Protein backbone atom coordinates (compact mmCIF):
# COMPACT_ATOMS: atom_id res chain seq x y z
CA MET A 1 -35.79 -169.60 -89.63
CA PRO A 2 -34.00 -172.53 -92.49
CA ALA A 3 -30.32 -171.08 -93.59
CA THR A 4 -30.20 -169.40 -96.40
CA ALA A 5 -28.12 -171.62 -98.84
CA ALA A 6 -24.50 -169.43 -99.89
CA PRO A 7 -24.17 -167.82 -103.01
CA PRO A 8 -21.90 -170.17 -105.52
CA TRP A 9 -18.33 -169.03 -105.38
CA ARG A 10 -18.03 -169.67 -108.90
CA ASP A 11 -19.87 -167.71 -111.50
CA PRO A 12 -21.96 -169.85 -114.15
CA LEU A 13 -21.07 -167.81 -116.88
CA ALA A 14 -17.33 -168.19 -116.47
CA ARG A 15 -16.97 -170.98 -119.25
CA GLN A 16 -19.21 -168.88 -122.10
CA ARG A 17 -17.47 -165.70 -120.51
CA LEU A 18 -14.15 -167.58 -121.59
CA THR A 19 -15.06 -169.30 -124.66
CA PHE A 20 -16.01 -165.48 -126.38
CA ALA A 21 -12.04 -164.50 -124.73
CA VAL A 22 -10.57 -167.30 -126.63
CA LEU A 23 -12.75 -166.19 -129.61
CA ALA A 24 -12.59 -162.83 -129.48
CA LEU A 25 -8.45 -163.68 -129.36
CA VAL A 26 -8.67 -165.70 -131.97
CA LEU A 27 -10.24 -162.94 -134.63
CA LEU A 28 -8.19 -159.97 -133.45
CA TRP A 29 -4.59 -161.33 -133.75
CA PRO A 30 -4.69 -161.62 -137.36
CA LEU A 31 -6.18 -158.34 -137.47
CA LEU A 32 -3.06 -156.63 -135.20
CA VAL A 33 -0.53 -159.15 -137.24
CA LEU A 34 -1.86 -157.22 -140.99
CA SER A 35 -1.25 -153.95 -139.27
CA GLU A 36 1.96 -154.79 -138.14
CA PHE A 37 0.96 -153.37 -134.62
CA ARG A 38 3.97 -153.17 -132.44
CA PRO A 39 3.24 -151.26 -129.25
CA TRP A 40 6.60 -152.86 -127.77
CA LEU A 41 8.65 -150.07 -129.85
CA LEU A 42 7.39 -147.04 -127.55
CA LEU A 43 9.50 -149.02 -124.97
CA ASP A 44 12.54 -148.71 -126.92
CA SER A 45 15.44 -145.81 -125.77
CA GLY A 46 15.54 -144.62 -129.14
CA SER A 47 11.71 -144.16 -130.01
CA TRP A 48 11.14 -142.41 -127.30
CA GLN A 49 14.21 -140.03 -127.66
CA VAL A 50 12.65 -139.09 -130.59
CA LEU A 51 9.46 -139.10 -130.10
CA GLY A 52 10.93 -136.02 -126.63
CA SER A 53 12.75 -134.14 -129.20
CA PHE A 54 10.14 -133.87 -131.62
CA LEU A 55 7.80 -132.85 -128.73
CA ALA A 56 9.95 -130.40 -127.48
CA GLY A 57 9.52 -128.35 -130.74
CA PHE A 58 6.02 -127.17 -129.96
CA VAL A 59 6.68 -125.24 -127.01
CA PRO A 60 6.75 -122.95 -125.97
CA PRO A 61 3.74 -121.54 -128.98
CA SER A 62 3.75 -119.01 -130.96
CA PHE A 63 2.14 -115.89 -130.73
CA ALA A 64 3.69 -113.52 -133.79
CA PRO A 65 1.28 -111.03 -134.77
CA ASP A 66 1.31 -112.39 -138.08
CA PHE A 67 0.70 -115.85 -137.37
CA LEU A 68 -2.45 -115.08 -135.03
CA ALA A 69 -3.68 -113.37 -138.31
CA LEU A 70 -3.56 -115.79 -140.15
CA LEU A 71 -4.22 -118.46 -137.60
CA GLY A 72 -7.71 -116.29 -136.58
CA ARG A 73 -8.47 -116.26 -140.73
CA ALA A 74 -7.93 -119.79 -141.14
CA THR A 75 -10.45 -121.24 -138.13
CA LEU A 76 -12.57 -119.00 -139.39
CA GLU A 77 -12.32 -120.76 -142.57
CA THR A 78 -12.88 -123.85 -140.42
CA LEU A 79 -15.66 -123.11 -139.00
CA ALA A 80 -17.47 -121.76 -142.40
CA MET A 81 -16.46 -124.93 -143.82
CA ALA A 82 -18.13 -127.60 -141.28
CA THR A 83 -21.23 -125.16 -141.07
CA ALA A 84 -21.47 -124.89 -143.99
CA GLY A 85 -21.29 -128.40 -144.62
CA ILE A 86 -23.36 -130.02 -142.25
CA ALA A 87 -25.74 -127.36 -143.18
CA LEU A 88 -25.91 -128.81 -146.41
CA ALA A 89 -25.67 -132.28 -145.46
CA PHE A 90 -28.93 -131.49 -143.70
CA VAL A 91 -30.61 -130.69 -146.54
CA ILE A 92 -29.49 -133.95 -148.28
CA ALA A 93 -30.08 -136.32 -144.95
CA VAL A 94 -33.53 -134.95 -143.79
CA PRO A 95 -36.18 -135.93 -146.95
CA LEU A 96 -34.01 -138.93 -147.37
CA ALA A 97 -34.21 -140.16 -143.44
CA PHE A 98 -38.43 -138.93 -144.25
CA VAL A 99 -38.57 -141.52 -147.01
CA VAL A 100 -36.91 -144.31 -145.02
CA THR A 101 -38.03 -144.22 -142.15
CA ARG A 102 -40.60 -147.57 -141.52
CA PRO A 103 -42.87 -146.26 -139.27
CA LEU A 104 -43.91 -143.06 -141.27
CA ALA A 105 -44.93 -145.74 -144.10
CA VAL A 106 -48.63 -145.61 -144.87
CA SER A 107 -48.63 -148.81 -146.57
CA ARG A 108 -47.44 -150.97 -143.33
CA LEU A 109 -50.91 -149.91 -142.07
CA GLY A 110 -52.40 -153.04 -144.00
CA PRO A 111 -52.68 -153.99 -147.59
CA GLY A 112 -52.64 -152.59 -150.18
CA PRO A 113 -52.13 -151.34 -153.76
CA GLY A 114 -49.10 -148.89 -152.74
CA VAL A 115 -47.11 -151.68 -151.02
CA TRP A 116 -44.72 -153.03 -153.27
CA LYS A 117 -44.48 -149.15 -154.50
CA ASP A 118 -43.23 -147.92 -151.10
CA GLY A 119 -41.11 -150.31 -150.72
CA THR A 120 -38.55 -150.00 -153.86
CA VAL A 121 -38.69 -146.33 -153.16
CA ARG A 122 -37.18 -147.11 -149.76
CA THR A 123 -34.81 -149.16 -150.27
CA LEU A 124 -33.56 -146.60 -153.30
CA ALA A 125 -33.86 -144.05 -150.73
CA ARG A 126 -30.93 -146.33 -148.56
CA GLY A 127 -29.32 -147.08 -151.54
CA VAL A 128 -28.49 -143.29 -151.84
CA LEU A 129 -28.04 -143.04 -148.29
CA MET A 130 -25.60 -145.89 -148.71
CA VAL A 131 -23.84 -144.75 -151.93
CA LEU A 132 -23.86 -140.84 -150.39
CA ARG A 133 -21.57 -142.31 -147.22
CA ALA A 134 -19.39 -144.85 -148.78
CA ILE A 135 -16.77 -142.57 -149.93
CA PRO A 136 -14.66 -140.88 -147.38
CA GLU A 137 -15.16 -136.88 -147.34
CA VAL A 138 -11.47 -136.65 -147.81
CA VAL A 139 -12.10 -138.97 -150.78
CA TRP A 140 -14.86 -136.68 -152.07
CA ALA A 141 -12.21 -133.68 -150.76
CA LEU A 142 -8.92 -134.41 -153.73
CA LEU A 143 -12.18 -135.22 -156.56
CA LEU A 144 -13.58 -131.90 -155.68
CA VAL A 145 -10.36 -129.96 -155.64
CA ARG A 146 -9.32 -130.88 -158.73
CA ALA A 147 -13.30 -129.06 -159.81
CA LEU A 148 -13.23 -126.25 -158.31
CA GLY A 149 -9.28 -125.60 -157.25
CA LEU A 150 -7.95 -125.25 -154.08
CA GLY A 151 -9.61 -123.47 -151.20
CA PRO A 152 -12.80 -124.57 -148.80
CA ALA A 153 -15.83 -124.63 -151.49
CA ALA A 154 -14.62 -128.42 -152.08
CA GLY A 155 -14.38 -129.32 -148.83
CA VAL A 156 -18.34 -128.17 -147.94
CA LEU A 157 -19.50 -130.28 -150.62
CA ALA A 158 -17.25 -133.08 -149.86
CA LEU A 159 -18.71 -132.90 -146.24
CA ALA A 160 -22.31 -131.97 -147.39
CA VAL A 161 -22.06 -135.10 -149.63
CA THR A 162 -20.84 -137.96 -147.09
CA TYR A 163 -22.77 -136.68 -144.00
CA GLY A 164 -25.86 -136.35 -146.24
CA GLY A 165 -25.53 -140.40 -145.96
CA MET A 166 -24.53 -140.04 -142.28
CA LEU A 167 -27.30 -138.12 -141.12
CA GLY A 168 -30.05 -139.46 -143.37
CA LYS A 169 -28.97 -143.19 -142.31
CA VAL A 170 -29.12 -142.23 -138.39
CA TYR A 171 -31.98 -139.90 -138.40
CA ALA A 172 -34.03 -142.71 -139.74
CA GLU A 173 -32.78 -145.32 -137.14
CA ILE A 174 -33.55 -142.61 -133.95
CA LEU A 175 -37.07 -141.98 -135.22
CA GLU A 176 -37.19 -145.75 -135.50
CA SER A 177 -35.99 -146.79 -132.45
CA THR A 178 -38.80 -143.99 -130.61
CA ASP A 179 -41.63 -144.83 -129.45
CA THR A 180 -43.54 -145.02 -133.14
CA ARG A 181 -47.44 -145.47 -131.60
CA PRO A 182 -48.23 -142.10 -131.15
CA ALA A 183 -47.02 -141.65 -135.30
CA ARG A 184 -49.04 -144.89 -135.81
CA ALA A 185 -52.12 -143.43 -134.22
CA LEU A 186 -52.30 -140.39 -136.65
CA LEU A 187 -51.74 -141.98 -138.98
CA GLU A 188 -54.43 -144.98 -139.18
CA GLY A 189 -56.64 -141.64 -137.84
CA GLY A 190 -56.14 -140.08 -141.73
CA SER A 191 -53.38 -137.51 -140.97
CA GLY A 192 -50.57 -137.01 -143.16
CA ARG A 193 -47.06 -137.84 -142.53
CA ILE A 194 -45.54 -134.85 -142.11
CA ALA A 195 -48.13 -134.16 -139.07
CA ALA A 196 -47.45 -138.26 -138.28
CA LEU A 197 -43.68 -136.73 -138.21
CA PHE A 198 -43.74 -134.01 -136.28
CA TYR A 199 -46.32 -134.96 -133.42
CA GLY A 200 -45.67 -138.29 -133.36
CA LEU A 201 -41.92 -138.78 -133.60
CA LEU A 202 -39.75 -136.06 -133.29
CA PRO A 203 -41.16 -134.70 -129.32
CA GLY A 204 -39.29 -138.72 -128.23
CA ALA A 205 -36.26 -137.67 -130.70
CA ALA A 206 -35.36 -134.33 -130.73
CA GLN A 207 -33.09 -134.26 -127.59
CA GLU A 208 -30.89 -137.41 -129.30
CA LEU A 209 -31.55 -135.78 -133.05
CA ALA A 210 -30.02 -132.24 -131.58
CA SER A 211 -26.86 -134.02 -129.76
CA TYR A 212 -26.59 -136.31 -133.21
CA THR A 213 -26.26 -133.29 -135.82
CA VAL A 214 -23.77 -131.23 -133.07
CA TYR A 215 -21.73 -134.46 -132.58
CA ARG A 216 -21.15 -135.04 -136.23
CA TRP A 217 -20.53 -131.16 -136.83
CA GLU A 218 -18.12 -131.14 -134.75
CA CYS A 219 -16.63 -134.13 -136.43
CA ALA A 220 -17.52 -132.15 -139.75
CA ILE A 221 -14.97 -129.95 -137.35
CA ARG A 222 -12.05 -132.65 -137.44
CA ALA A 223 -12.71 -133.16 -140.96
CA SER A 224 -11.94 -129.72 -141.81
CA VAL A 225 -8.84 -129.89 -140.32
CA VAL A 226 -7.75 -133.24 -142.20
CA MET A 227 -9.04 -132.06 -145.55
CA GLY A 228 -6.80 -128.90 -145.33
CA PHE A 229 -3.98 -130.78 -145.86
CA VAL A 230 -5.57 -131.61 -149.35
CA GLY A 231 -6.42 -128.48 -150.18
CA ALA A 232 -9.32 -127.39 -148.86
CA GLY A 233 -8.15 -124.65 -147.05
CA GLY A 234 -8.64 -123.74 -143.34
CA LEU A 235 -6.67 -125.08 -140.33
CA GLY A 236 -5.74 -128.02 -142.17
CA GLN A 237 -3.77 -126.08 -144.86
CA LEU A 238 -2.15 -123.17 -141.82
CA MET A 239 -1.13 -126.61 -140.11
CA ASP A 240 0.81 -128.63 -143.21
CA GLN A 241 2.63 -125.42 -143.98
CA SER A 242 3.43 -125.28 -140.20
CA ILE A 243 4.94 -128.40 -140.48
CA LYS A 244 6.61 -128.46 -143.45
CA MET A 245 8.63 -125.53 -142.09
CA LEU A 246 9.32 -127.38 -138.83
CA ASN A 247 7.88 -124.30 -137.17
CA GLY A 248 6.30 -126.12 -133.80
CA GLY A 249 5.67 -123.83 -132.02
CA GLU A 250 2.94 -123.00 -135.05
CA ALA A 251 1.32 -125.89 -135.19
CA SER A 252 0.88 -126.23 -131.03
CA SER A 253 -0.55 -123.06 -131.24
CA ILE A 254 -3.08 -124.25 -133.79
CA LEU A 255 -3.82 -127.50 -131.82
CA ILE A 256 -4.36 -126.06 -128.76
CA VAL A 257 -7.30 -123.83 -131.09
CA PHE A 258 -8.50 -127.05 -132.18
CA LEU A 259 -9.44 -128.22 -129.13
CA ALA A 260 -11.17 -124.67 -127.71
CA LEU A 261 -13.20 -125.31 -131.10
CA VAL A 262 -13.99 -129.43 -130.10
CA LEU A 263 -14.75 -127.78 -126.16
CA LEU A 264 -17.22 -125.07 -127.95
CA ALA A 265 -19.03 -127.94 -129.95
CA ASP A 266 -19.17 -129.83 -126.49
CA GLY A 267 -20.70 -126.61 -125.27
CA VAL A 268 -23.29 -125.95 -127.84
CA SER A 269 -24.36 -130.17 -127.61
CA ALA A 270 -25.16 -129.35 -123.44
CA ALA A 271 -26.90 -126.33 -124.44
CA LEU A 272 -29.28 -127.15 -126.58
CA ARG A 273 -30.23 -130.67 -124.66
CA ARG A 274 -30.95 -128.82 -121.74
CA VAL A 275 -33.09 -127.00 -124.66
CA LEU A 276 -34.83 -129.72 -125.56
CA ALA A 277 -34.65 -131.68 -122.24
């Protein structure tokens, strides 16, 4: 039998990989300079001393009854804000995603008088989604707090607007990335767009859509905490008060609750994926 040739010891793509690495470094270095990224400052003994004394104030967590009552109320406010915000965002996102999803466009089945109109409506809907998600939810919260006053209402509307744009965009992309042949067959057979969505696209995309929605709910919980710092209530506002009062034990308890909420979101996501699998 002829001897098999030994595999080349040198990576044939080594030059290409090295070129990409050098280009990435050349492009990344100015960004690191502009962002004042200086991780070597962490090696300074003074920095570690300040950090250590700061973290020492977080131990032990506070379990005072009065504070735990405030913490429970703030936790419920945060959950309510995130859940209501995502629910309203879902109401905004679903019709817009339905409009911009290309596989559901009847005009794509062939030439006809509705091609131009359909393309214009889809472009306008994509523009609406872009405007909604372009402004961060914290900015919306700052504006709405001025109009609605302090409290969770401003946070709910801020989440609804920004996350409505995010959900709509990603919903459309998920539906377009799944197998679109069943939906096209239904449309070609004379079925309506809603039926093509429910029976042609959703069976293959439901698991991913549910997982992304729960992930956005988890992000909404984190965003609700951040918006609390601008007066939207919830855990963020309580955290702001604890930090201003230099009460590390209360801040530590709030962080523990925040971690528990993220674990709750992970559990809900896993359960939904098992149900929809």
